[in-house]
Amino acid sequence: GGAREVILVGFSLGGAVSTQIADHPLVQRVIGLAPWLPKELPVDALAGREFHVIHGALDRRIPGVPGVHPDASRAGFERIRAAGATGTYRLIPFGTHAIALRAPWGAPIPVPRAAEWVRQVGDLIAAPSR
């Protein structure tokens, strides 16, 4: 048989994309990693589902480097909860927007706190649905 439950995990803009396809019947949970959740983004697809945010506390947009301020994702998270979703909002102390950078030779290089991102995502995926 096929999947019985789907957990969407989206990073940054992918967090916004995940919120837009969350109304599929198999989707039970969405995990947004430093998600971009502008106030214009419709959030009705998350009603009745779990929505979890993990965000680096030091995430900021700086010239030439993308970022999403934690206050912005927190505001989006609160809108999504008001629309009928349940979930959690977690800040990673000293975390930034990036989880890894690409080395000149192409290999990913984890940034400080990358292991904490991995641990928290793993915990959310392993947890039973509510």
Protein backbone atom coordinates (compact mmCIF):
# COMPACT_ATOMS: atom_id res chain seq x y z
CA GLY A 1 0.00 0.00 0.00
CA GLY A 2 0.84 3.65 -0.09
CA ALA A 3 1.63 6.16 2.59
CA ARG A 4 -0.80 6.57 5.46
CA GLU A 5 0.60 9.88 6.65
CA VAL A 6 2.81 12.57 5.13
CA ILE A 7 5.01 15.01 7.00
CA LEU A 8 6.05 18.00 4.90
CA VAL A 9 9.36 19.65 5.79
CA GLY A 10 10.10 22.98 4.13
CA PHE A 11 13.05 25.33 4.55
CA SER A 12 12.66 29.10 4.08
CA LEU A 13 10.55 29.61 0.92
CA GLY A 14 9.90 25.87 1.02
CA GLY A 15 8.14 26.48 4.33
CA ALA A 16 5.70 28.76 2.53
CA VAL A 17 5.23 26.21 -0.26
CA SER A 18 4.52 23.47 2.29
CA THR A 19 1.72 25.53 3.84
CA GLN A 20 0.01 25.80 0.46
CA ILE A 21 -0.15 22.05 -0.20
CA ALA A 22 -0.91 20.99 3.37
CA ASP A 23 -4.60 20.41 2.65
CA HIS A 24 -3.85 17.08 0.95
CA PRO A 25 -5.68 14.35 2.92
CA LEU A 26 -2.46 12.47 3.76
CA VAL A 27 -0.70 15.51 5.25
CA GLN A 28 -0.91 15.49 9.02
CA ARG A 29 2.09 17.64 9.92
CA VAL A 30 4.14 20.43 8.41
CA ILE A 31 7.56 21.40 9.77
CA GLY A 32 8.81 24.81 8.73
CA LEU A 33 12.54 25.43 9.05
CA ALA A 34 13.05 29.21 9.22
CA PRO A 35 9.87 29.48 7.13
CA TRP A 36 9.01 32.54 5.11
CA LEU A 37 5.39 33.25 6.08
CA PRO A 38 4.40 36.69 4.77
CA LYS A 39 1.07 38.10 5.95
CA GLU A 40 -0.34 37.77 2.41
CA LEU A 41 0.15 33.99 2.48
CA PRO A 42 -3.14 32.08 2.81
CA VAL A 43 -3.05 29.70 5.79
CA ASP A 44 -6.42 27.92 5.61
CA ALA A 45 -4.83 24.69 4.32
CA LEU A 46 -3.33 24.10 7.78
CA ALA A 47 -6.62 24.07 9.71
CA GLY A 48 -6.84 20.86 11.70
CA ARG A 49 -3.20 19.94 11.08
CA GLU A 50 0.03 20.26 13.03
CA PHE A 51 2.40 23.04 12.11
CA HIS A 52 5.79 23.22 13.78
CA VAL A 53 8.42 25.91 13.34
CA ILE A 54 12.13 25.61 14.07
CA HIS A 55 14.01 28.86 13.61
CA GLY A 56 17.52 30.15 14.28
CA ALA A 57 17.44 32.93 16.86
CA LEU A 58 20.11 34.93 14.96
CA ASP A 59 18.46 34.61 11.55
CA ARG A 60 18.36 37.97 9.79
CA ARG A 61 18.35 39.28 6.24
CA ILE A 62 21.67 40.99 5.64
CA PRO A 63 22.87 42.58 2.38
CA GLY A 64 23.57 39.84 -0.13
CA VAL A 65 22.46 37.04 2.20
CA PRO A 66 18.85 35.85 2.45
CA GLY A 67 17.24 35.42 5.82
CA VAL A 68 13.94 35.42 7.66
CA HIS A 69 13.71 37.21 10.99
CA PRO A 70 12.27 34.98 13.74
CA ASP A 71 9.66 37.65 14.52
CA ALA A 72 8.28 37.20 11.00
CA SER A 73 7.94 33.43 11.28
CA ARG A 74 6.46 33.80 14.77
CA ALA A 75 3.77 36.14 13.41
CA GLY A 76 3.01 33.63 10.64
CA PHE A 77 2.91 30.80 13.14
CA GLU A 78 0.39 32.69 15.27
CA ARG A 79 -1.80 33.34 12.19
CA ILE A 80 -1.68 29.64 11.37
CA ARG A 81 -2.66 28.68 14.92
CA ALA A 82 -5.54 31.16 14.78
CA ALA A 83 -6.67 29.40 11.58
CA GLY A 84 -7.05 26.13 13.50
CA ALA A 85 -3.65 24.43 13.46
CA THR A 86 -1.84 23.09 16.50
CA GLY A 87 1.93 22.97 16.88
CA THR A 88 5.07 24.33 18.42
CA TYR A 89 7.47 27.18 17.81
CA ARG A 90 11.12 26.50 18.68
CA LEU A 91 14.09 28.85 18.56
CA ILE A 92 17.61 27.50 18.23
CA PRO A 93 19.92 29.73 20.30
CA PHE A 94 22.71 31.17 18.15
CA GLY A 95 21.18 29.53 15.06
CA THR A 96 21.34 31.38 11.74
CA HIS A 97 19.32 31.02 8.53
CA ALA A 98 21.76 28.61 6.94
CA ILE A 99 22.10 25.05 8.16
CA ALA A 100 25.00 24.26 5.82
CA LEU A 101 27.12 26.08 3.27
CA ARG A 102 28.56 24.68 0.06
CA ALA A 103 32.34 24.40 -0.05
CA PRO A 104 34.15 25.44 -3.25
CA TRP A 105 34.63 21.74 -4.04
CA GLY A 106 30.85 21.16 -3.70
CA ALA A 107 30.55 19.37 -0.37
CA PRO A 108 28.13 20.72 2.25
CA ILE A 109 29.76 22.16 5.36
CA PRO A 110 27.52 22.27 8.44
CA VAL A 111 27.36 25.65 10.17
CA PRO A 112 27.45 25.94 13.97
CA ARG A 113 24.23 24.58 15.51
CA ALA A 114 23.49 22.39 12.46
CA ALA A 115 23.34 19.30 14.68
CA GLU A 116 20.64 20.98 16.78
CA TRP A 117 18.51 21.58 13.66
CA VAL A 118 18.88 17.90 12.76
CA ARG A 119 18.03 16.75 16.29
CA GLN A 120 14.91 18.88 16.55
CA VAL A 121 13.60 17.86 13.12
CA GLY A 122 14.23 14.22 13.98
CA ASP A 123 12.35 14.58 17.27
CA LEU A 124 9.34 16.09 15.50
CA ILE A 125 9.30 13.41 12.81
CA ALA A 126 9.62 10.61 15.36
CA ALA A 127 6.84 11.98 17.60
CA PRO A 128 3.39 10.47 17.15
CA SER A 129 0.74 12.67 15.54
CA ARG A 130 -1.50 14.41 18.02
